[in-house]
Amino acid sequence: MGEPRLDGPADGELRFVHLGFGDNAVEYLEAWQEQKRVHAARFADEIPDTVLMLEHPPVYTAGRRTEDSERPLDGTPVVDVDRGGKITWHGPGQLVGYPILKLPRPVDVVAHVRRLEEAMIRACAELGLETTRVEGRSGVWVLGDALEQRSSGLALDFDPRMNQEEYDPRLMGPEYAPSNAGQRGEDRKLAQIGIRVAKGVTMHGFSLNCNPDTTGFDRIVPCGIRDAGVTSLSQELGRNVPVSEVLPLMEKHLREVLESSEPMPRAV
């Protein structure tokens, strides 16, 4: 597994370290320990801002807000982690990035998440896929069609799920995604974000679905969201899009976004 060089104080440079891909995918707990080591070095200004790039073997990880009902029903093991967010799946075909960056205090966590989203949106656009944010939900999304378009021109003013006893209309409501309050078909999540900031330095990060077997998400409620789907670049573009193709694009756009937008302290 690659390691960042500990060769002096940070100088504003952004470094990328490839920990392992494909047959050399990095076990989650091993990568977590490496994050902690790099985090300590970044806090001490021994290294510059560093982004760890890798793939994981199949694994479920659960953030602090994960509820029992969102975990795998079949008892599949889950690694509980100290990031925000809920439960997700990592595995082959998914590009994972752990930006370990020192932010000004008081830390603006939301602004950090927005920068990661922006880099992924730009990388997807370069591949020919339009993606966006969904209000109230982190990550990068492909929007579902308007219901009128999905019903041969017939405008629907009701949701058939309203007649299902288990259906909770609040799942389409403002605390989830006001922009998707029953007015579109299924939105599809392409990339996940879950972070932690400790001592002003970020940990954890993003995962972008390139060409994974997305059935790994079927055993859980991904990110705690019940009314949306999961997709990949390969599914949306109709061709195989491997991690190796996406990796240089993500590094380019992360560098552009992180080096061009100076992080500002959170307003207090």
C-alpha atoms as a PDB file:
ATOM      1  CA  MET A   1       0.000   0.000   0.000  1.00  0.00           C
ATOM      2  CA  GLY A   2       1.376   3.414  -0.967  1.00  0.00           C
ATOM      3  CA  GLU A   3       2.246   6.011   1.644  1.00  0.00           C
ATOM      4  CA  PRO A   4       2.535   9.800   1.444  1.00  0.00           C
ATOM      5  CA  ARG A   5       6.060  11.075   1.943  1.00  0.00           C
ATOM      6  CA  LEU A   6       6.543  12.777   5.298  1.00  0.00           C
ATOM      7  CA  ASP A   7       9.048  15.279   3.977  1.00  0.00           C
ATOM      8  CA  GLY A   8       8.409  18.582   5.647  1.00  0.00           C
ATOM      9  CA  PRO A   9       5.624  21.033   6.395  1.00  0.00           C
ATOM     10  CA  ALA A  10       2.602  21.617   4.211  1.00  0.00           C
ATOM     11  CA  ASP A  11       3.193  24.086   1.390  1.00  0.00           C
ATOM     12  CA  GLY A  12      -0.266  24.423  -0.140  1.00  0.00           C
ATOM     13  CA  GLU A  13       0.282  21.460  -2.456  1.00  0.00           C
ATOM     14  CA  LEU A  14      -2.463  18.842  -2.805  1.00  0.00           C
ATOM     15  CA  ARG A  15      -1.170  15.294  -3.021  1.00  0.00           C
ATOM     16  CA  PHE A  16      -2.868  12.145  -4.268  1.00  0.00           C
ATOM     17  CA  VAL A  17      -1.830   8.748  -2.926  1.00  0.00           C
ATOM     18  CA  HIS A  18      -3.008   5.533  -4.607  1.00  0.00           C
ATOM     19  CA  LEU A  19      -3.515   2.933  -1.890  1.00  0.00           C
ATOM     20  CA  GLY A  20      -4.726   0.069  -4.081  1.00  0.00           C
ATOM     21  CA  PHE A  21      -7.135  -0.886  -6.858  1.00  0.00           C
ATOM     22  CA  GLY A  22      -8.505  -4.042  -8.449  1.00  0.00           C
ATOM     23  CA  ASP A  23      -6.675  -7.109  -7.158  1.00  0.00           C
ATOM     24  CA  ASN A  24      -4.882  -4.794  -4.709  1.00  0.00           C
ATOM     25  CA  ALA A  25      -8.074  -3.306  -3.268  1.00  0.00           C
ATOM     26  CA  VAL A  26      -7.559  -2.227   0.341  1.00  0.00           C
ATOM     27  CA  GLU A  27      -9.486  -3.770   3.223  1.00  0.00           C
ATOM     28  CA  TYR A  28     -11.625  -1.151   4.902  1.00  0.00           C
ATOM     29  CA  LEU A  29     -10.072  -1.405   8.365  1.00  0.00           C
ATOM     30  CA  GLU A  30      -6.579  -1.207   6.888  1.00  0.00           C
ATOM     31  CA  ALA A  31      -7.496   1.947   4.990  1.00  0.00           C
ATOM     32  CA  TRP A  32      -9.114   3.405   8.111  1.00  0.00           C
ATOM     33  CA  GLN A  33      -5.863   2.957  10.038  1.00  0.00           C
ATOM     34  CA  GLU A  34      -3.965   4.641   7.205  1.00  0.00           C
ATOM     35  CA  GLN A  35      -6.423   7.532   7.327  1.00  0.00           C
ATOM     36  CA  LYS A  36      -5.737   7.964  11.026  1.00  0.00           C
ATOM     37  CA  ARG A  37      -1.977   7.950  10.445  1.00  0.00           C
ATOM     38  CA  VAL A  38      -2.179  10.513   7.637  1.00  0.00           C
ATOM     39  CA  HIS A  39      -4.663  12.596   9.648  1.00  0.00           C
ATOM     40  CA  ALA A  40      -2.176  12.847  12.531  1.00  0.00           C
ATOM     41  CA  ALA A  41       0.616  13.829  10.154  1.00  0.00           C
ATOM     42  CA  ARG A  42      -1.548  16.484   8.503  1.00  0.00           C
ATOM     43  CA  PHE A  43      -2.607  17.929  11.863  1.00  0.00           C
ATOM     44  CA  ALA A  44       1.077  18.215  12.790  1.00  0.00           C
ATOM     45  CA  ASP A  45       1.842  19.939   9.446  1.00  0.00           C
ATOM     46  CA  GLU A  46       4.273  17.170   8.548  1.00  0.00           C
ATOM     47  CA  ILE A  47       2.565  16.669   5.171  1.00  0.00           C
ATOM     48  CA  PRO A  48       0.350  18.783   2.908  1.00  0.00           C
ATOM     49  CA  ASP A  49      -3.330  18.153   2.222  1.00  0.00           C
ATOM     50  CA  THR A  50      -3.536  14.566   0.984  1.00  0.00           C
ATOM     51  CA  VAL A  51      -6.219  12.581  -0.832  1.00  0.00           C
ATOM     52  CA  LEU A  52      -6.131   8.802  -0.516  1.00  0.00           C
ATOM     53  CA  MET A  53      -7.598   7.096  -3.600  1.00  0.00           C
ATOM     54  CA  LEU A  54      -8.538   3.416  -3.616  1.00  0.00           C
ATOM     55  CA  GLU A  55     -11.038   0.610  -4.034  1.00  0.00           C
ATOM     56  CA  HIS A  56     -12.339  -1.581  -1.228  1.00  0.00           C
ATOM     57  CA  PRO A  57     -13.319  -5.251  -1.271  1.00  0.00           C
ATOM     58  CA  PRO A  58     -17.073  -5.609  -0.569  1.00  0.00           C
ATOM     59  CA  VAL A  59     -17.982  -4.092   2.801  1.00  0.00           C
ATOM     60  CA  TYR A  60     -20.849  -2.310   4.536  1.00  0.00           C
ATOM     61  CA  THR A  61     -19.980   0.703   6.676  1.00  0.00           C
ATOM     62  CA  ALA A  62     -22.402   2.470   8.991  1.00  0.00           C
ATOM     63  CA  GLY A  63     -22.130   6.084  10.080  1.00  0.00           C
ATOM     64  CA  ARG A  64     -23.227   7.368  13.453  1.00  0.00           C
ATOM     65  CA  ARG A  65     -26.853   8.025  12.435  1.00  0.00           C
ATOM     66  CA  THR A  66     -27.558   4.536  11.071  1.00  0.00           C
ATOM     67  CA  GLU A  67     -30.723   2.956  12.455  1.00  0.00           C
ATOM     68  CA  ASP A  68     -31.136  -0.781  13.050  1.00  0.00           C
ATOM     69  CA  SER A  69     -33.895  -0.972  10.427  1.00  0.00           C
ATOM     70  CA  GLU A  70     -31.449   0.243   7.760  1.00  0.00           C
ATOM     71  CA  ARG A  71     -28.878  -2.516   8.320  1.00  0.00           C
ATOM     72  CA  PRO A  72     -28.735  -5.755   6.262  1.00  0.00           C
ATOM     73  CA  LEU A  73     -31.694  -7.979   7.010  1.00  0.00           C
ATOM     74  CA  ASP A  74     -29.614 -11.111   6.389  1.00  0.00           C
ATOM     75  CA  GLY A  75     -27.115 -10.355   9.140  1.00  0.00           C
ATOM     76  CA  THR A  76     -24.263  -9.406   6.792  1.00  0.00           C
ATOM     77  CA  PRO A  77     -21.442  -7.905   8.921  1.00  0.00           C
ATOM     78  CA  VAL A  78     -21.234  -4.119   9.100  1.00  0.00           C
ATOM     79  CA  VAL A  79     -18.262  -1.955  10.107  1.00  0.00           C
ATOM     80  CA  ASP A  80     -19.406   0.883  12.391  1.00  0.00           C
ATOM     81  CA  VAL A  81     -17.375   4.010  11.719  1.00  0.00           C
ATOM     82  CA  ASP A  82     -16.996   7.491  13.191  1.00  0.00           C
ATOM     83  CA  ARG A  83     -18.122   9.470  10.134  1.00  0.00           C
ATOM     84  CA  GLY A  84     -21.411  11.254   9.682  1.00  0.00           C
ATOM     85  CA  GLY A  85     -24.215   9.870   7.570  1.00  0.00           C
ATOM     86  CA  LYS A  86     -25.757   6.439   7.570  1.00  0.00           C
ATOM     87  CA  ILE A  87     -25.053   3.030   6.060  1.00  0.00           C
ATOM     88  CA  THR A  88     -23.560   2.409   2.634  1.00  0.00           C
ATOM     89  CA  TRP A  89     -21.775  -0.259   0.604  1.00  0.00           C
ATOM     90  CA  HIS A  90     -18.251  -0.179  -0.787  1.00  0.00           C
ATOM     91  CA  GLY A  91     -16.810  -2.641  -3.240  1.00  0.00           C
ATOM     92  CA  PRO A  92     -15.084  -3.335  -6.563  1.00  0.00           C
ATOM     93  CA  GLY A  93     -15.965  -0.903  -9.312  1.00  0.00           C
ATOM     94  CA  GLN A  94     -16.419   1.994  -6.904  1.00  0.00           C
ATOM     95  CA  LEU A  95     -13.833   4.777  -6.718  1.00  0.00           C
ATOM     96  CA  VAL A  96     -13.282   5.825  -3.103  1.00  0.00           C
ATOM     97  CA  GLY A  97     -11.516   9.028  -2.086  1.00  0.00           C
ATOM     98  CA  TYR A  98     -10.492  10.104   1.404  1.00  0.00           C
ATOM     99  CA  PRO A  99      -9.449  13.785   1.353  1.00  0.00           C
ATOM    100  CA  ILE A 100      -7.454  14.570   4.495  1.00  0.00           C
ATOM    101  CA  LEU A 101      -7.439  18.354   4.495  1.00  0.00           C
ATOM    102  CA  LYS A 102      -6.800  21.003   7.113  1.00  0.00           C
ATOM    103  CA  LEU A 103      -9.709  23.495   7.202  1.00  0.00           C
ATOM    104  CA  PRO A 104      -9.854  26.907   8.871  1.00  0.00           C
ATOM    105  CA  ARG A 105     -11.737  27.111  12.149  1.00  0.00           C
ATOM    106  CA  PRO A 106     -14.570  27.270  12.894  1.00  0.00           C
ATOM    107  CA  VAL A 107     -14.904  24.495  10.309  1.00  0.00           C
ATOM    108  CA  ASP A 108     -17.607  24.793   7.637  1.00  0.00           C
ATOM    109  CA  VAL A 109     -18.505  21.130   7.103  1.00  0.00           C
ATOM    110  CA  VAL A 110     -21.281  21.877   4.602  1.00  0.00           C
ATOM    111  CA  ALA A 111     -18.931  23.874   2.385  1.00  0.00           C
ATOM    112  CA  HIS A 112     -16.474  20.973   2.415  1.00  0.00           C
ATOM    113  CA  VAL A 113     -19.214  18.569   1.301  1.00  0.00           C
ATOM    114  CA  ARG A 114     -20.267  20.975  -1.472  1.00  0.00           C
ATOM    115  CA  ARG A 115     -16.693  21.078  -2.823  1.00  0.00           C
ATOM    116  CA  LEU A 116     -16.509  17.290  -2.999  1.00  0.00           C
ATOM    117  CA  GLU A 117     -19.873  17.198  -4.774  1.00  0.00           C
ATOM    118  CA  GLU A 118     -18.722  19.840  -7.254  1.00  0.00           C
ATOM    119  CA  ALA A 119     -15.610  17.877  -8.197  1.00  0.00           C
ATOM    120  CA  MET A 120     -17.666  14.746  -8.868  1.00  0.00           C
ATOM    121  CA  ILE A 121     -20.287  16.670 -10.859  1.00  0.00           C
ATOM    122  CA  ARG A 122     -17.530  18.089 -13.081  1.00  0.00           C
ATOM    123  CA  ALA A 123     -15.916  14.674 -13.582  1.00  0.00           C
ATOM    124  CA  CYS A 124     -19.265  13.147 -14.579  1.00  0.00           C
ATOM    125  CA  ALA A 125     -19.909  16.006 -16.997  1.00  0.00           C
ATOM    126  CA  GLU A 126     -16.568  15.343 -18.702  1.00  0.00           C
ATOM    127  CA  LEU A 127     -17.711  11.756 -19.206  1.00  0.00           C
ATOM    128  CA  GLY A 128     -20.945  12.997 -20.776  1.00  0.00           C
ATOM    129  CA  LEU A 129     -23.343  12.509 -17.858  1.00  0.00           C
ATOM    130  CA  GLU A 130     -25.336  15.355 -16.357  1.00  0.00           C
ATOM    131  CA  THR A 131     -25.621  15.039 -12.590  1.00  0.00           C
ATOM    132  CA  THR A 132     -26.783  17.343  -9.855  1.00  0.00           C
ATOM    133  CA  ARG A 133     -27.437  17.833  -6.169  1.00  0.00           C
ATOM    134  CA  VAL A 134     -30.808  17.089  -4.589  1.00  0.00           C
ATOM    135  CA  GLU A 135     -32.008  19.490  -1.946  1.00  0.00           C
ATOM    136  CA  GLY A 136     -31.728  18.015   1.529  1.00  0.00           C
ATOM    137  CA  ARG A 137     -29.529  15.114   0.407  1.00  0.00           C
ATOM    138  CA  SER A 138     -25.765  14.973   0.127  1.00  0.00           C
ATOM    139  CA  GLY A 139     -23.975  13.238  -2.712  1.00  0.00           C
ATOM    140  CA  VAL A 140     -24.351  13.346  -6.491  1.00  0.00           C
ATOM    141  CA  TRP A 141     -27.571  12.366  -8.233  1.00  0.00           C
ATOM    142  CA  VAL A 142     -29.125  11.562 -11.595  1.00  0.00           C
ATOM    143  CA  LEU A 143     -32.644  12.980 -11.568  1.00  0.00           C
ATOM    144  CA  GLY A 144     -35.676  10.900 -12.439  1.00  0.00           C
ATOM    145  CA  ASP A 145     -37.951  12.032 -15.231  1.00  0.00           C
ATOM    146  CA  ALA A 146     -40.918  14.235 -14.455  1.00  0.00           C
ATOM    147  CA  LEU A 147     -43.957  12.043 -13.884  1.00  0.00           C
ATOM    148  CA  GLU A 148     -45.717  13.517 -16.908  1.00  0.00           C
ATOM    149  CA  GLN A 149     -42.879  12.268 -19.113  1.00  0.00           C
ATOM    150  CA  ARG A 150     -42.984   8.793 -17.594  1.00  0.00           C
ATOM    151  CA  SER A 151     -46.734   8.384 -18.149  1.00  0.00           C
ATOM    152  CA  SER A 152     -47.120   9.059 -21.894  1.00  0.00           C
ATOM    153  CA  GLY A 153     -48.270  12.618 -21.343  1.00  0.00           C
ATOM    154  CA  LEU A 154     -50.870  11.770 -18.703  1.00  0.00           C
ATOM    155  CA  ALA A 155     -50.332  14.063 -15.720  1.00  0.00           C
ATOM    156  CA  LEU A 156     -50.688  12.251 -12.426  1.00  0.00           C
ATOM    157  CA  ASP A 157     -52.051  14.195  -9.469  1.00  0.00           C
ATOM    158  CA  PHE A 158     -51.864  11.279  -7.058  1.00  0.00           C
ATOM    159  CA  ASP A 159     -49.323   8.762  -5.877  1.00  0.00           C
ATOM    160  CA  PRO A 160     -50.550   5.137  -5.944  1.00  0.00           C
ATOM    161  CA  ARG A 161     -48.424   4.360  -2.903  1.00  0.00           C
ATOM    162  CA  MET A 162     -50.773   6.485  -0.796  1.00  0.00           C
ATOM    163  CA  ASN A 163     -53.032   3.416  -0.615  1.00  0.00           C
ATOM    164  CA  GLN A 164     -50.280   1.248   0.852  1.00  0.00           C
ATOM    165  CA  GLU A 165     -50.378   0.949   4.623  1.00  0.00           C
ATOM    166  CA  GLU A 166     -46.582   0.873   4.916  1.00  0.00           C
ATOM    167  CA  TYR A 167     -46.080   3.995   2.838  1.00  0.00           C
ATOM    168  CA  ASP A 168     -45.198   7.142   4.735  1.00  0.00           C
ATOM    169  CA  PRO A 169     -45.751  10.229   2.537  1.00  0.00           C
ATOM    170  CA  ARG A 170     -43.175  12.104   4.597  1.00  0.00           C
ATOM    171  CA  LEU A 171     -40.537  10.071   2.786  1.00  0.00           C
ATOM    172  CA  MET A 172     -41.220  12.293  -0.217  1.00  0.00           C
ATOM    173  CA  GLY A 173     -41.500  15.389   1.934  1.00  0.00           C
ATOM    174  CA  PRO A 174     -39.373  18.397   2.741  1.00  0.00           C
ATOM    175  CA  GLU A 175     -37.144  16.821   5.365  1.00  0.00           C
ATOM    176  CA  TYR A 176     -35.900  14.482   2.648  1.00  0.00           C
ATOM    177  CA  ALA A 177     -35.988  16.233  -0.706  1.00  0.00           C
ATOM    178  CA  PRO A 178     -38.394  19.114  -1.345  1.00  0.00           C
ATOM    179  CA  SER A 179     -37.446  19.099  -5.011  1.00  0.00           C
ATOM    180  CA  ASN A 180     -38.628  15.484  -5.292  1.00  0.00           C
ATOM    181  CA  ALA A 181     -41.924  15.731  -3.410  1.00  0.00           C
ATOM    182  CA  GLY A 182     -43.772  13.309  -5.684  1.00  0.00           C
ATOM    183  CA  GLN A 183     -43.098  15.338  -8.805  1.00  0.00           C
ATOM    184  CA  ARG A 184     -40.448  13.083 -10.371  1.00  0.00           C
ATOM    185  CA  GLY A 185     -39.869   9.427 -10.834  1.00  0.00           C
ATOM    186  CA  GLU A 186     -37.091   7.704  -8.951  1.00  0.00           C
ATOM    187  CA  ASP A 187     -33.947   9.760  -8.482  1.00  0.00           C
ATOM    188  CA  ARG A 188     -30.768   7.682  -8.584  1.00  0.00           C
ATOM    189  CA  LYS A 189     -27.789   8.209  -6.320  1.00  0.00           C
ATOM    190  CA  LEU A 190     -24.465   7.995  -8.135  1.00  0.00           C
ATOM    191  CA  ALA A 191     -22.037   9.066  -5.405  1.00  0.00           C
ATOM    192  CA  GLN A 192     -22.049   9.017  -1.616  1.00  0.00           C
ATOM    193  CA  ILE A 193     -20.372  11.372   0.860  1.00  0.00           C
ATOM    194  CA  GLY A 194     -19.716  10.800   4.553  1.00  0.00           C
ATOM    195  CA  ILE A 195     -17.096  12.767   6.461  1.00  0.00           C
ATOM    196  CA  ARG A 196     -15.687  13.494   9.867  1.00  0.00           C
ATOM    197  CA  VAL A 197     -13.708  16.537  10.972  1.00  0.00           C
ATOM    198  CA  ALA A 198     -11.384  16.083  13.936  1.00  0.00           C
ATOM    199  CA  LYS A 199      -8.989  18.804  15.156  1.00  0.00           C
ATOM    200  CA  GLY A 200      -9.891  20.818  12.073  1.00  0.00           C
ATOM    201  CA  VAL A 201      -8.729  18.066   9.682  1.00  0.00           C
ATOM    202  CA  THR A 202     -11.135  16.074   7.499  1.00  0.00           C
ATOM    203  CA  MET A 203     -11.400  12.290   7.292  1.00  0.00           C
ATOM    204  CA  HIS A 204     -13.467   9.812   5.267  1.00  0.00           C
ATOM    205  CA  GLY A 205     -14.890  11.260   2.057  1.00  0.00           C
ATOM    206  CA  PHE A 206     -16.681  10.097  -1.084  1.00  0.00           C
ATOM    207  CA  SER A 207     -17.419   7.017  -3.172  1.00  0.00           C
ATOM    208  CA  LEU A 208     -18.351   7.223  -6.854  1.00  0.00           C
ATOM    209  CA  ASN A 209     -20.033   4.255  -8.535  1.00  0.00           C
ATOM    210  CA  CYS A 210     -18.150   3.518 -11.751  1.00  0.00           C
ATOM    211  CA  ASN A 211     -18.949  -0.091 -12.704  1.00  0.00           C
ATOM    212  CA  PRO A 212     -19.833  -1.893  -9.445  1.00  0.00           C
ATOM    213  CA  ASP A 213     -22.347  -4.662  -8.914  1.00  0.00           C
ATOM    214  CA  THR A 214     -24.989  -2.389  -7.392  1.00  0.00           C
ATOM    215  CA  THR A 215     -26.932  -5.334  -5.979  1.00  0.00           C
ATOM    216  CA  GLY A 216     -24.674  -4.820  -2.971  1.00  0.00           C
ATOM    217  CA  PHE A 217     -26.977  -1.962  -2.036  1.00  0.00           C
ATOM    218  CA  ASP A 218     -30.087  -4.176  -2.130  1.00  0.00           C
ATOM    219  CA  ARG A 219     -29.618  -5.626   1.360  1.00  0.00           C
ATOM    220  CA  ILE A 220     -29.649  -2.225   3.078  1.00  0.00           C
ATOM    221  CA  VAL A 221     -31.414   1.135   3.024  1.00  0.00           C
ATOM    222  CA  PRO A 222     -28.564   3.061   1.367  1.00  0.00           C
ATOM    223  CA  CYS A 223     -27.775   6.262   3.261  1.00  0.00           C
ATOM    224  CA  GLY A 224     -31.138   5.842   5.017  1.00  0.00           C
ATOM    225  CA  ILE A 225     -33.019   6.909   1.858  1.00  0.00           C
ATOM    226  CA  ARG A 226     -35.997   4.706   1.003  1.00  0.00           C
ATOM    227  CA  ASP A 227     -37.539   6.531  -1.956  1.00  0.00           C
ATOM    228  CA  ALA A 228     -34.601   6.674  -4.372  1.00  0.00           C
ATOM    229  CA  GLY A 229     -32.397   4.286  -6.276  1.00  0.00           C
ATOM    230  CA  VAL A 230     -28.695   3.664  -6.759  1.00  0.00           C
ATOM    231  CA  THR A 231     -26.938   3.850 -10.106  1.00  0.00           C
ATOM    232  CA  SER A 232     -23.479   3.879 -11.690  1.00  0.00           C
ATOM    233  CA  LEU A 233     -21.673   5.650 -14.489  1.00  0.00           C
ATOM    234  CA  SER A 234     -21.769   2.429 -16.517  1.00  0.00           C
ATOM    235  CA  GLN A 235     -25.542   2.067 -16.110  1.00  0.00           C
ATOM    236  CA  GLU A 236     -26.249   5.677 -17.025  1.00  0.00           C
ATOM    237  CA  LEU A 237     -23.845   5.929 -19.965  1.00  0.00           C
ATOM    238  CA  GLY A 238     -24.646   2.488 -21.372  1.00  0.00           C
ATOM    239  CA  ARG A 239     -21.031   1.348 -21.534  1.00  0.00           C
ATOM    240  CA  ASN A 240     -18.405  -0.008 -19.197  1.00  0.00           C
ATOM    241  CA  VAL A 241     -16.774   2.842 -17.270  1.00  0.00           C
ATOM    242  CA  PRO A 242     -13.985   1.366 -15.118  1.00  0.00           C
ATOM    243  CA  VAL A 243     -12.401   3.001 -12.100  1.00  0.00           C
ATOM    244  CA  SER A 244      -9.172   3.415 -14.070  1.00  0.00           C
ATOM    245  CA  GLU A 245     -10.955   5.758 -16.511  1.00  0.00           C
ATOM    246  CA  VAL A 246     -12.549   7.865 -13.794  1.00  0.00           C
ATOM    247  CA  LEU A 247      -9.531   8.126 -11.475  1.00  0.00           C
ATOM    248  CA  PRO A 248      -7.541  10.773 -13.438  1.00  0.00           C
ATOM    249  CA  LEU A 249     -10.682  12.825 -14.040  1.00  0.00           C
ATOM    250  CA  MET A 250     -11.545  12.866 -10.345  1.00  0.00           C
ATOM    251  CA  GLU A 251      -8.006  13.862  -9.429  1.00  0.00           C
ATOM    252  CA  LYS A 252      -8.046  16.668 -11.980  1.00  0.00           C
ATOM    253  CA  HIS A 253     -11.342  18.098 -10.809  1.00  0.00           C
ATOM    254  CA  LEU A 254     -10.608  17.638  -7.115  1.00  0.00           C
ATOM    255  CA  ARG A 255      -7.406  19.586  -7.634  1.00  0.00           C
ATOM    256  CA  GLU A 256      -9.249  22.333  -9.531  1.00  0.00           C
ATOM    257  CA  VAL A 257     -11.978  22.656  -6.921  1.00  0.00           C
ATOM    258  CA  LEU A 258      -9.870  22.291  -3.790  1.00  0.00           C
ATOM    259  CA  GLU A 259      -7.040  24.546  -4.968  1.00  0.00           C
ATOM    260  CA  SER A 260      -9.205  27.224  -6.601  1.00  0.00           C
ATOM    261  CA  SER A 261     -11.817  27.676  -3.862  1.00  0.00           C
ATOM    262  CA  GLU A 262     -10.115  28.822  -0.690  1.00  0.00           C
ATOM    263  CA  PRO A 263     -11.965  27.325   2.290  1.00  0.00           C
ATOM    264  CA  MET A 264     -13.343  29.995   4.583  1.00  0.00           C
ATOM    265  CA  PRO A 265     -14.206  29.663   8.261  1.00  0.00           C
ATOM    266  CA  ARG A 266     -17.845  29.045   9.070  1.00  0.00           C
ATOM    267  CA  ALA A 267     -19.687  32.230   9.933  1.00  0.00           C
ATOM    268  CA  VAL A 268     -20.486  32.475  13.643  1.00  0.00           C
END
